[in-house]
Amino acid sequence: MRMAFPTFAGMLSGALASGPTEGSKRRTIPMESEEACVGKRVRVREDHRKADLRGRRGTIVERWGNPSYAALDVLLDEGEWQLFWYHELEELDEEHSSSLREN
């Protein structure tokens, strides 16, 4: 039984690192702490603990703490500021973001 968890954890981390599957309608890029920089467009992950924040989009406006485990101030598109851990966000694909702004 002890071997099942590490195997499952390895499969899960591999799936998260590989990104969206072929045929996905939306392309998001998993956020790494080192990649979270001011000005980057992000989306709150669908598995966020607060349901009202899931899927909301915004822009990183400030970065706090350790470079390997950053906290990020995000200005949400609705005008609200919210503090997130880097792993609670997904980077928006620039092509996807620009097409949303045009529509």
Protein backbone atom coordinates (compact mmCIF):
# COMPACT_ATOMS: atom_id res chain seq x y z
CA MET A 1 0.00 0.00 0.00
CA ARG A 2 2.84 2.44 0.71
CA MET A 3 4.14 2.11 -2.84
CA ALA A 4 0.82 3.19 -4.37
CA PHE A 5 1.04 6.80 -3.18
CA PRO A 6 4.51 7.62 -4.58
CA THR A 7 3.52 6.02 -7.89
CA PHE A 8 0.31 8.03 -8.01
CA ALA A 9 2.15 11.23 -6.99
CA GLY A 10 4.66 10.70 -9.80
CA MET A 11 1.89 10.19 -12.33
CA LEU A 12 0.09 13.29 -11.09
CA SER A 13 3.17 15.52 -11.17
CA GLY A 14 3.96 14.28 -14.70
CA ALA A 15 0.44 15.08 -15.84
CA LEU A 16 0.60 18.57 -14.37
CA ALA A 17 3.97 19.27 -15.94
CA SER A 18 2.86 18.16 -19.39
CA GLY A 19 0.19 20.87 -19.61
CA PRO A 20 -3.02 20.66 -21.55
CA THR A 21 -3.87 17.61 -23.57
CA GLU A 22 -4.09 17.58 -27.33
CA GLY A 23 -7.42 18.92 -28.48
CA SER A 24 -7.88 21.24 -25.49
CA LYS A 25 -10.00 24.26 -26.29
CA ARG A 26 -8.06 26.45 -23.87
CA ARG A 27 -4.29 26.55 -23.64
CA THR A 28 -2.94 27.44 -20.21
CA ILE A 29 0.61 27.02 -19.04
CA PRO A 30 1.22 25.82 -15.47
CA MET A 31 2.84 28.58 -13.41
CA GLU A 32 6.25 28.04 -11.81
CA SER A 33 7.45 30.35 -9.04
CA GLU A 34 10.47 31.51 -11.03
CA GLU A 35 8.25 32.36 -14.04
CA ALA A 36 5.80 34.52 -12.09
CA CYS A 37 6.82 38.04 -13.03
CA VAL A 38 5.15 41.42 -12.79
CA GLY A 39 2.99 42.17 -15.83
CA LYS A 40 2.25 38.53 -16.70
CA ARG A 41 -1.37 37.62 -17.50
CA VAL A 42 -2.68 34.78 -15.35
CA ARG A 43 -5.84 32.79 -14.61
CA VAL A 44 -6.86 31.35 -11.24
CA ARG A 45 -6.77 27.56 -11.38
CA GLU A 46 -10.06 25.66 -11.49
CA ASP A 47 -9.10 23.73 -8.35
CA HIS A 48 -8.66 26.88 -6.21
CA ARG A 49 -10.15 26.49 -2.73
CA LYS A 50 -12.40 29.56 -3.16
CA ALA A 51 -14.99 28.79 -5.80
CA ASP A 52 -15.71 32.47 -6.53
CA LEU A 53 -12.11 33.02 -7.67
CA ARG A 54 -11.85 29.99 -9.98
CA GLY A 55 -11.24 30.88 -13.61
CA ARG A 56 -10.88 34.62 -13.00
CA ARG A 57 -8.19 36.40 -15.00
CA GLY A 58 -5.81 39.16 -14.02
CA THR A 59 -2.32 40.62 -14.17
CA ILE A 60 0.51 40.13 -11.67
CA VAL A 61 1.32 43.53 -10.16
CA GLU A 62 3.66 42.62 -7.28
CA ARG A 63 5.81 39.70 -6.22
CA TRP A 64 6.62 38.90 -2.58
CA GLY A 65 8.79 36.48 -0.65
CA ASN A 66 11.24 33.76 -1.59
CA PRO A 67 11.98 33.45 -5.33
CA SER A 68 11.35 29.69 -5.19
CA TYR A 69 7.96 30.08 -3.42
CA ALA A 70 6.49 33.43 -4.44
CA ALA A 71 3.33 35.14 -3.27
CA LEU A 72 1.76 37.33 -5.94
CA ASP A 73 -0.53 40.35 -5.86
CA VAL A 74 -2.87 40.04 -8.82
CA LEU A 75 -5.11 42.79 -10.18
CA LEU A 76 -8.14 40.87 -11.38
CA ASP A 77 -9.88 42.06 -14.56
CA GLU A 78 -12.91 43.13 -12.48
CA GLY A 79 -10.70 45.63 -10.58
CA GLU A 80 -10.22 43.62 -7.37
CA TRP A 81 -6.76 42.94 -5.88
CA GLN A 82 -6.05 39.46 -4.53
CA LEU A 83 -2.97 37.75 -3.07
CA PHE A 84 -2.15 34.26 -4.44
CA TRP A 85 0.56 31.67 -4.12
CA TYR A 86 2.24 31.02 -7.48
CA HIS A 87 0.82 27.47 -7.68
CA GLU A 88 -2.76 28.79 -7.50
CA LEU A 89 -2.37 30.42 -10.92
CA GLU A 90 -1.92 29.41 -14.53
CA GLU A 91 -0.13 31.51 -17.11
CA LEU A 92 -2.41 32.57 -19.94
CA ASP A 93 -1.18 31.84 -23.43
CA GLU A 94 -0.56 35.23 -25.09
CA GLU A 95 -2.39 34.19 -28.26
CA HIS A 96 -5.45 33.13 -26.23
CA SER A 97 -5.37 36.35 -24.17
CA SER A 98 -5.23 38.63 -27.20
CA SER A 99 -8.08 36.82 -28.93
CA LEU A 100 -10.25 37.29 -25.82
CA ARG A 101 -9.53 41.04 -25.77
CA GLU A 102 -10.47 41.39 -29.46
CA ASN A 103 -13.91 39.75 -28.95
